[in-house]
């Protein structure tokens, strides 16, 4: 349900961001991946990583479109968020 409600807004946000090929974006607490998917749909050569609790990752993977998204699971208060990023979306 959250994915369906946020999908139209996610594309508007993605269009407003400076997403460029080769840039690395972290969607922190990305849930079902609504925004992460919008980011790669708007700029397919932007590297997007979705970080969320372990239970959220299978849901996000099941909704993944044709553009690849990297998934990391953990708690953002205590776990490593991975690579350095050019931008972080919360």
N, C-alpha and C. Protein backbone atom coordinates (compact mmCIF):
# COMPACT_ATOMS: atom_id res chain seq x y z
N UNK A 1 0.83 -1.20 0.00
CA UNK A 1 0.00 0.00 0.00
C UNK A 1 0.87 1.26 0.00
N UNK A 2 1.93 1.26 0.82
CA UNK A 2 2.79 2.44 0.88
C UNK A 2 3.43 2.70 -0.49
N UNK A 3 3.82 1.64 -1.18
CA UNK A 3 4.44 1.78 -2.49
C UNK A 3 3.49 2.48 -3.47
N UNK A 4 2.24 2.05 -3.50
CA UNK A 4 1.26 2.63 -4.42
C UNK A 4 1.00 4.10 -4.12
N UNK A 5 0.95 4.45 -2.85
CA UNK A 5 0.69 5.84 -2.46
C UNK A 5 1.85 6.76 -2.80
N UNK A 6 3.07 6.27 -2.66
CA UNK A 6 4.25 7.10 -2.85
C UNK A 6 4.77 7.14 -4.29
N UNK A 7 4.38 6.19 -5.12
CA UNK A 7 4.94 6.09 -6.47
C UNK A 7 4.87 7.39 -7.28
N UNK A 8 3.71 8.07 -7.36
CA UNK A 8 3.67 9.32 -8.14
C UNK A 8 4.60 10.40 -7.57
N UNK A 9 4.68 10.48 -6.26
CA UNK A 9 5.55 11.47 -5.62
C UNK A 9 7.02 11.13 -5.82
N UNK A 10 7.33 9.84 -5.81
CA UNK A 10 8.72 9.40 -5.95
C UNK A 10 9.31 9.85 -7.29
N UNK A 11 8.54 9.75 -8.35
CA UNK A 11 9.05 10.17 -9.66
C UNK A 11 9.26 11.68 -9.72
N UNK A 12 8.40 12.44 -9.06
CA UNK A 12 8.57 13.90 -9.03
C UNK A 12 9.84 14.26 -8.25
N UNK A 13 10.06 13.58 -7.13
CA UNK A 13 11.28 13.81 -6.34
C UNK A 13 12.50 13.44 -7.17
N UNK A 14 12.46 12.28 -7.83
CA UNK A 14 13.61 11.83 -8.63
C UNK A 14 13.94 12.82 -9.73
N UNK A 15 12.93 13.38 -10.37
CA UNK A 15 13.16 14.36 -11.44
C UNK A 15 13.79 15.64 -10.92
N UNK A 16 13.52 15.96 -9.65
CA UNK A 16 14.04 17.19 -9.06
C UNK A 16 15.47 17.05 -8.53
N UNK A 17 15.95 15.82 -8.37
CA UNK A 17 17.29 15.59 -7.83
C UNK A 17 18.34 15.60 -8.94
N UNK A 18 19.58 16.00 -8.59
CA UNK A 18 20.66 15.98 -9.59
C UNK A 18 21.24 14.57 -9.75
N UNK A 19 20.47 13.68 -10.35
CA UNK A 19 20.92 12.30 -10.58
C UNK A 19 21.70 12.25 -11.88
N UNK A 20 22.93 11.77 -11.81
CA UNK A 20 23.79 11.73 -12.98
C UNK A 20 24.47 10.37 -13.09
N UNK A 21 24.82 9.95 -14.31
CA UNK A 21 25.53 8.69 -14.49
C UNK A 21 26.79 8.62 -13.62
N UNK A 22 26.97 7.48 -12.97
CA UNK A 22 28.15 7.27 -12.14
C UNK A 22 28.02 7.77 -10.72
N UNK A 23 27.01 8.58 -10.43
CA UNK A 23 26.81 9.05 -9.06
C UNK A 23 26.24 7.92 -8.22
N UNK A 24 26.57 7.93 -6.93
CA UNK A 24 26.10 6.90 -6.01
C UNK A 24 25.12 7.52 -5.02
N UNK A 25 23.91 6.95 -4.97
CA UNK A 25 22.86 7.45 -4.10
C UNK A 25 22.46 6.34 -3.14
N UNK A 26 22.30 6.69 -1.87
CA UNK A 26 21.82 5.75 -0.86
C UNK A 26 20.39 6.13 -0.50
N UNK A 27 19.49 5.18 -0.61
CA UNK A 27 18.11 5.34 -0.14
C UNK A 27 18.07 4.67 1.23
N UNK A 28 18.22 5.46 2.27
CA UNK A 28 18.35 4.94 3.64
C UNK A 28 16.96 4.79 4.26
N UNK A 29 16.63 3.58 4.65
CA UNK A 29 15.29 3.30 5.16
C UNK A 29 14.31 3.22 4.00
N UNK A 30 14.76 2.64 2.89
CA UNK A 30 14.01 2.66 1.64
C UNK A 30 12.77 1.81 1.56
N UNK A 31 12.48 1.01 2.59
CA UNK A 31 11.25 0.21 2.60
C UNK A 31 11.08 -0.62 1.34
N UNK A 32 9.92 -0.48 0.68
CA UNK A 32 9.66 -1.31 -0.50
C UNK A 32 10.43 -0.88 -1.75
N UNK A 33 11.25 0.15 -1.64
CA UNK A 33 12.09 0.56 -2.76
C UNK A 33 11.44 1.53 -3.74
N UNK A 34 10.37 2.16 -3.33
CA UNK A 34 9.64 3.07 -4.21
C UNK A 34 10.53 4.17 -4.76
N UNK A 35 11.27 4.82 -3.88
CA UNK A 35 12.13 5.93 -4.31
C UNK A 35 13.37 5.40 -5.04
N UNK A 36 13.95 4.32 -4.56
CA UNK A 36 15.12 3.74 -5.23
C UNK A 36 14.77 3.39 -6.68
N UNK A 37 13.61 2.78 -6.89
CA UNK A 37 13.19 2.44 -8.25
C UNK A 37 12.99 3.69 -9.09
N UNK A 38 12.39 4.71 -8.51
CA UNK A 38 12.18 5.96 -9.25
C UNK A 38 13.51 6.58 -9.64
N UNK A 39 14.50 6.53 -8.75
CA UNK A 39 15.81 7.11 -9.05
C UNK A 39 16.44 6.44 -10.27
N UNK A 40 16.42 5.10 -10.31
CA UNK A 40 17.04 4.40 -11.44
C UNK A 40 16.19 4.47 -12.71
N UNK A 41 14.89 4.66 -12.56
CA UNK A 41 14.04 4.85 -13.74
C UNK A 41 14.30 6.21 -14.39
N UNK A 42 14.55 7.22 -13.57
CA UNK A 42 14.83 8.57 -14.09
C UNK A 42 16.26 8.65 -14.62
N UNK A 43 17.20 8.00 -13.95
CA UNK A 43 18.61 8.02 -14.36
C UNK A 43 19.18 6.61 -14.21
N UNK A 44 19.06 5.82 -15.25
CA UNK A 44 19.41 4.40 -15.17
C UNK A 44 20.89 4.14 -14.90
N UNK A 45 21.74 5.13 -15.12
CA UNK A 45 23.17 4.93 -14.88
C UNK A 45 23.62 5.48 -13.52
N UNK A 46 22.67 5.95 -12.72
CA UNK A 46 22.97 6.32 -11.34
C UNK A 46 23.00 5.02 -10.53
N UNK A 47 24.01 4.86 -9.68
CA UNK A 47 24.12 3.67 -8.84
C UNK A 47 23.32 3.90 -7.56
N UNK A 48 22.26 3.12 -7.38
CA UNK A 48 21.38 3.30 -6.23
C UNK A 48 21.49 2.10 -5.30
N UNK A 49 21.68 2.39 -4.00
CA UNK A 49 21.70 1.37 -2.96
C UNK A 49 20.54 1.63 -2.02
N UNK A 50 19.77 0.60 -1.74
CA UNK A 50 18.69 0.68 -0.77
C UNK A 50 19.17 0.02 0.52
N UNK A 51 19.07 0.74 1.63
CA UNK A 51 19.47 0.22 2.94
C UNK A 51 18.25 0.22 3.84
N UNK A 52 17.95 -0.94 4.43
CA UNK A 52 16.82 -1.02 5.36
C UNK A 52 16.99 -2.25 6.23
N UNK A 53 16.06 -2.42 7.15
CA UNK A 53 16.08 -3.58 8.04
C UNK A 53 15.94 -4.86 7.21
N UNK A 54 16.48 -5.97 7.72
CA UNK A 54 16.47 -7.22 6.95
C UNK A 54 15.09 -7.64 6.44
N UNK A 55 14.05 -7.41 7.19
CA UNK A 55 12.71 -7.83 6.77
C UNK A 55 12.17 -7.06 5.58
N UNK A 56 12.69 -5.87 5.34
CA UNK A 56 12.21 -5.03 4.23
C UNK A 56 12.83 -5.39 2.89
N UNK A 57 14.02 -5.95 2.92
CA UNK A 57 14.76 -6.19 1.67
C UNK A 57 14.05 -7.17 0.73
N UNK A 58 13.51 -8.30 1.20
CA UNK A 58 12.82 -9.20 0.27
C UNK A 58 11.62 -8.54 -0.42
N UNK A 59 10.93 -7.66 0.29
CA UNK A 59 9.79 -6.96 -0.30
C UNK A 59 10.28 -6.04 -1.41
N UNK A 60 11.33 -5.28 -1.13
CA UNK A 60 11.89 -4.37 -2.14
C UNK A 60 12.38 -5.15 -3.36
N UNK A 61 13.05 -6.26 -3.13
CA UNK A 61 13.55 -7.08 -4.25
C UNK A 61 12.39 -7.60 -5.11
N UNK A 62 11.29 -7.97 -4.47
CA UNK A 62 10.16 -8.53 -5.22
C UNK A 62 9.50 -7.49 -6.12
N UNK A 63 9.70 -6.21 -5.82
CA UNK A 63 9.09 -5.14 -6.61
C UNK A 63 10.08 -4.50 -7.59
N UNK A 64 11.33 -4.98 -7.59
CA UNK A 64 12.37 -4.39 -8.43
C UNK A 64 11.99 -4.45 -9.90
N UNK A 65 12.27 -3.36 -10.59
CA UNK A 65 11.99 -3.28 -12.03
C UNK A 65 13.17 -3.79 -12.85
N UNK A 66 13.33 -3.21 -14.02
CA UNK A 66 14.36 -3.67 -14.95
C UNK A 66 15.74 -3.11 -14.64
N UNK A 67 15.84 -2.04 -13.87
CA UNK A 67 17.13 -1.43 -13.55
C UNK A 67 17.64 -1.97 -12.22
N UNK A 68 18.91 -2.32 -12.15
CA UNK A 68 19.44 -2.93 -10.93
C UNK A 68 19.57 -1.94 -9.77
N UNK A 69 19.27 -2.44 -8.60
CA UNK A 69 19.43 -1.71 -7.34
C UNK A 69 20.26 -2.60 -6.44
N UNK A 70 21.18 -2.02 -5.70
CA UNK A 70 21.99 -2.76 -4.73
C UNK A 70 21.24 -2.72 -3.40
N UNK A 71 21.24 -3.83 -2.67
CA UNK A 71 20.52 -3.91 -1.40
C UNK A 71 21.48 -4.21 -0.26
N UNK A 72 21.33 -3.46 0.81
CA UNK A 72 22.07 -3.71 2.04
C UNK A 72 21.07 -3.73 3.19
N UNK A 73 21.23 -4.70 4.08
CA UNK A 73 20.32 -4.75 5.22
C UNK A 73 21.08 -4.47 6.50
N UNK A 74 20.37 -3.89 7.45
CA UNK A 74 20.94 -3.59 8.74
C UNK A 74 20.16 -2.49 9.44
N UNK A 75 20.75 -2.00 10.51
CA UNK A 75 20.17 -0.93 11.31
C UNK A 75 21.05 0.30 11.11
N UNK A 76 20.50 1.37 10.58
CA UNK A 76 21.35 2.52 10.25
C UNK A 76 21.92 3.22 11.47
N UNK A 77 21.43 2.90 12.66
CA UNK A 77 22.01 3.45 13.88
C UNK A 77 23.32 2.75 14.24
N UNK A 78 23.45 1.48 13.84
CA UNK A 78 24.60 0.70 14.30
C UNK A 78 25.43 0.05 13.20
N UNK A 79 24.88 -0.12 12.02
CA UNK A 79 25.57 -0.86 10.96
C UNK A 79 26.20 0.06 9.92
N UNK A 80 27.20 -0.50 9.24
CA UNK A 80 27.90 0.22 8.17
C UNK A 80 26.96 0.41 6.98
N UNK A 81 26.92 1.62 6.46
CA UNK A 81 26.05 1.93 5.33
C UNK A 81 26.70 1.63 3.98
N UNK A 82 27.92 1.15 4.00
CA UNK A 82 28.58 0.79 2.75
C UNK A 82 29.42 1.90 2.18
N UNK A 83 29.54 1.89 0.86
CA UNK A 83 30.41 2.81 0.11
C UNK A 83 30.16 4.27 0.46
N UNK A 84 31.14 5.11 0.14
CA UNK A 84 30.84 6.55 0.19
C UNK A 84 29.80 6.86 -0.89
N UNK A 85 28.91 7.78 -0.59
CA UNK A 85 27.83 8.13 -1.51
C UNK A 85 27.89 9.61 -1.88
N UNK A 86 27.38 9.92 -3.05
CA UNK A 86 27.28 11.32 -3.49
C UNK A 86 26.04 11.98 -2.90
N UNK A 87 25.07 11.18 -2.50
CA UNK A 87 23.86 11.71 -1.88
C UNK A 87 23.16 10.64 -1.09
N UNK A 88 22.47 11.06 -0.03
CA UNK A 88 21.71 10.14 0.81
C UNK A 88 20.28 10.65 0.89
N UNK A 89 19.33 9.78 0.58
CA UNK A 89 17.91 10.11 0.64
C UNK A 89 17.32 9.42 1.86
N UNK A 90 16.69 10.19 2.72
CA UNK A 90 16.06 9.63 3.93
C UNK A 90 14.56 9.70 3.83
